[in-house]
């Protein structure tokens, strides 16, 4: 995110706190190579027929990790409960991290993955 922040400056305008207002522009153009984001984590390759299995597994793990009654037919109810817990949670970052780990675990258990950080380790050089 830091790479896309441009032209930031501290404003002299009055604010309703002891802090100064910081103004900045976000530049998401991909023409400039220095701003291009290259993902180096794990990519998951999901086939169409795996989608249903993925959804069922995700609902099961969400229900287990967040102690919500699992009802595959009532995904809106699970979503509403999860949303209410997020709004009432003291540490949103901790909640999001737990949710992210749940999604990652679901991916690992249901779909193929390719670890991009080891892609080039298999290439041998010519003597």
Foldseek 3Di string as FASTA:
>chain_A
DVLQWPDKDFDPDDDPDPGTDIDTDGHQDVPDVSNDDDDQFKDWDDDPVLPVVLLQQLLVLLCVLVVNDRDPVPVVVSVVVLVVCCVVDPDNVVSVVSSVVSSVVSRVVGTDMDRRNCPCVPDDDDD
